[in-house]
Amino acid sequence: MNTQYRKNLPGTSLDYFDARAAVDAIKPGAYATLPYTARVHAENLVRKGEPEKLTAYLGQLIERKRDLD
């Protein structure tokens, strides 16, 4: 599990995974240009993707490529 982008929801004991921060760390402003389905996929990758490959996976979404599984 990737914990780098896991954040606490203020005022609660709940956590969330900040996909926007993960995508924008690679290319600032890129999250706003992603289609809704790509945003959902990005959150899933941030939540369950291999941490050492996360940048490559998210880069594929940003560039709209299909080189990696």
C-alpha atoms as a PDB file:
ATOM      1  CA  MET A   1       0.000   0.000   0.000  1.00  0.00           C
ATOM      2  CA  ASN A   2       1.195   3.469  -0.860  1.00  0.00           C
ATOM      3  CA  THR A   3       1.240   5.683   2.229  1.00  0.00           C
ATOM      4  CA  GLN A   4       3.001   8.704   0.736  1.00  0.00           C
ATOM      5  CA  TYR A   5      -0.275  10.361  -0.306  1.00  0.00           C
ATOM      6  CA  ARG A   6      -2.404   9.055   2.565  1.00  0.00           C
ATOM      7  CA  LYS A   7      -3.778  11.996   4.520  1.00  0.00           C
ATOM      8  CA  ASN A   8      -5.995  12.482   7.530  1.00  0.00           C
ATOM      9  CA  LEU A   9      -9.439  13.970   6.967  1.00  0.00           C
ATOM     10  CA  PRO A  10      -9.510  16.989   9.323  1.00  0.00           C
ATOM     11  CA  GLY A  11     -11.788  16.663  12.314  1.00  0.00           C
ATOM     12  CA  THR A  12     -12.173  12.892  11.951  1.00  0.00           C
ATOM     13  CA  SER A  13     -10.232   9.701  12.450  1.00  0.00           C
ATOM     14  CA  LEU A  14     -10.623   8.892   8.744  1.00  0.00           C
ATOM     15  CA  ASP A  15      -7.892   8.855   6.101  1.00  0.00           C
ATOM     16  CA  TYR A  16      -8.052   9.440   2.362  1.00  0.00           C
ATOM     17  CA  PHE A  17      -5.655   9.083  -0.553  1.00  0.00           C
ATOM     18  CA  ASP A  18      -4.885  12.372  -2.304  1.00  0.00           C
ATOM     19  CA  ALA A  19      -4.792  11.444  -5.990  1.00  0.00           C
ATOM     20  CA  ARG A  20      -4.755  15.114  -6.998  1.00  0.00           C
ATOM     21  CA  ALA A  21      -1.495  15.698  -5.100  1.00  0.00           C
ATOM     22  CA  ALA A  22       0.062  12.570  -6.599  1.00  0.00           C
ATOM     23  CA  VAL A  23      -0.806  13.505 -10.194  1.00  0.00           C
ATOM     24  CA  ASP A  24       0.062  17.187  -9.789  1.00  0.00           C
ATOM     25  CA  ALA A  25       3.445  16.249  -8.274  1.00  0.00           C
ATOM     26  CA  ILE A  26       4.337  14.708 -11.643  1.00  0.00           C
ATOM     27  CA  LYS A  27       2.879  17.457 -13.844  1.00  0.00           C
ATOM     28  CA  PRO A  28       1.337  20.503 -12.125  1.00  0.00           C
ATOM     29  CA  GLY A  29      -2.276  21.070 -13.170  1.00  0.00           C
ATOM     30  CA  ALA A  30      -2.593  17.688 -14.883  1.00  0.00           C
ATOM     31  CA  TYR A  31      -5.282  16.376 -12.516  1.00  0.00           C
ATOM     32  CA  ALA A  32      -7.727  19.068 -13.663  1.00  0.00           C
ATOM     33  CA  THR A  33      -7.370  17.902 -17.281  1.00  0.00           C
ATOM     34  CA  LEU A  34      -8.029  14.215 -16.591  1.00  0.00           C
ATOM     35  CA  PRO A  35     -11.430  12.740 -17.465  1.00  0.00           C
ATOM     36  CA  TYR A  36     -13.501  11.513 -14.523  1.00  0.00           C
ATOM     37  CA  THR A  37     -12.747   7.847 -15.173  1.00  0.00           C
ATOM     38  CA  ALA A  38      -8.997   8.555 -15.251  1.00  0.00           C
ATOM     39  CA  ARG A  39      -9.319  10.363 -11.897  1.00  0.00           C
ATOM     40  CA  VAL A  40     -11.004   7.305 -10.399  1.00  0.00           C
ATOM     41  CA  HIS A  41      -8.262   5.097 -11.824  1.00  0.00           C
ATOM     42  CA  ALA A  42      -5.598   7.473 -10.459  1.00  0.00           C
ATOM     43  CA  GLU A  43      -7.090   7.199  -6.965  1.00  0.00           C
ATOM     44  CA  ASN A  44      -7.052   3.413  -7.205  1.00  0.00           C
ATOM     45  CA  LEU A  45      -3.408   3.487  -8.295  1.00  0.00           C
ATOM     46  CA  VAL A  46      -2.458   5.802  -5.428  1.00  0.00           C
ATOM     47  CA  ARG A  47      -4.321   3.562  -3.004  1.00  0.00           C
ATOM     48  CA  LYS A  48      -3.127   0.132  -4.184  1.00  0.00           C
ATOM     49  CA  GLY A  49      -0.344   0.583  -6.755  1.00  0.00           C
ATOM     50  CA  GLU A  50       3.234  -0.410  -6.135  1.00  0.00           C
ATOM     51  CA  PRO A  51       4.931   2.672  -4.609  1.00  0.00           C
ATOM     52  CA  GLU A  52       8.102   2.291  -6.697  1.00  0.00           C
ATOM     53  CA  LYS A  53       6.071   2.245  -9.929  1.00  0.00           C
ATOM     54  CA  LEU A  54       3.451   4.849  -9.010  1.00  0.00           C
ATOM     55  CA  THR A  55       5.066   7.680 -10.967  1.00  0.00           C
ATOM     56  CA  ALA A  56       5.244   5.531 -14.097  1.00  0.00           C
ATOM     57  CA  TYR A  57       1.614   4.421 -13.721  1.00  0.00           C
ATOM     58  CA  LEU A  58       0.303   7.943 -13.189  1.00  0.00           C
ATOM     59  CA  GLY A  59       2.492   9.243 -16.013  1.00  0.00           C
ATOM     60  CA  GLN A  60       0.679   6.848 -18.332  1.00  0.00           C
ATOM     61  CA  LEU A  61      -2.650   8.385 -17.320  1.00  0.00           C
ATOM     62  CA  ILE A  62      -1.374  11.933 -17.727  1.00  0.00           C
ATOM     63  CA  GLU A  63       0.077  11.253 -21.179  1.00  0.00           C
ATOM     64  CA  ARG A  64      -2.871   9.022 -22.133  1.00  0.00           C
ATOM     65  CA  LYS A  65      -0.671   6.109 -23.087  1.00  0.00           C
ATOM     66  CA  ARG A  66      -1.140   2.360 -22.658  1.00  0.00           C
ATOM     67  CA  ASP A  67       2.435   1.101 -22.446  1.00  0.00           C
ATOM     68  CA  LEU A  68       2.140  -0.355 -18.915  1.00  0.00           C
ATOM     69  CA  ASP A  69      -0.394  -2.674 -17.306  1.00  0.00           C
END
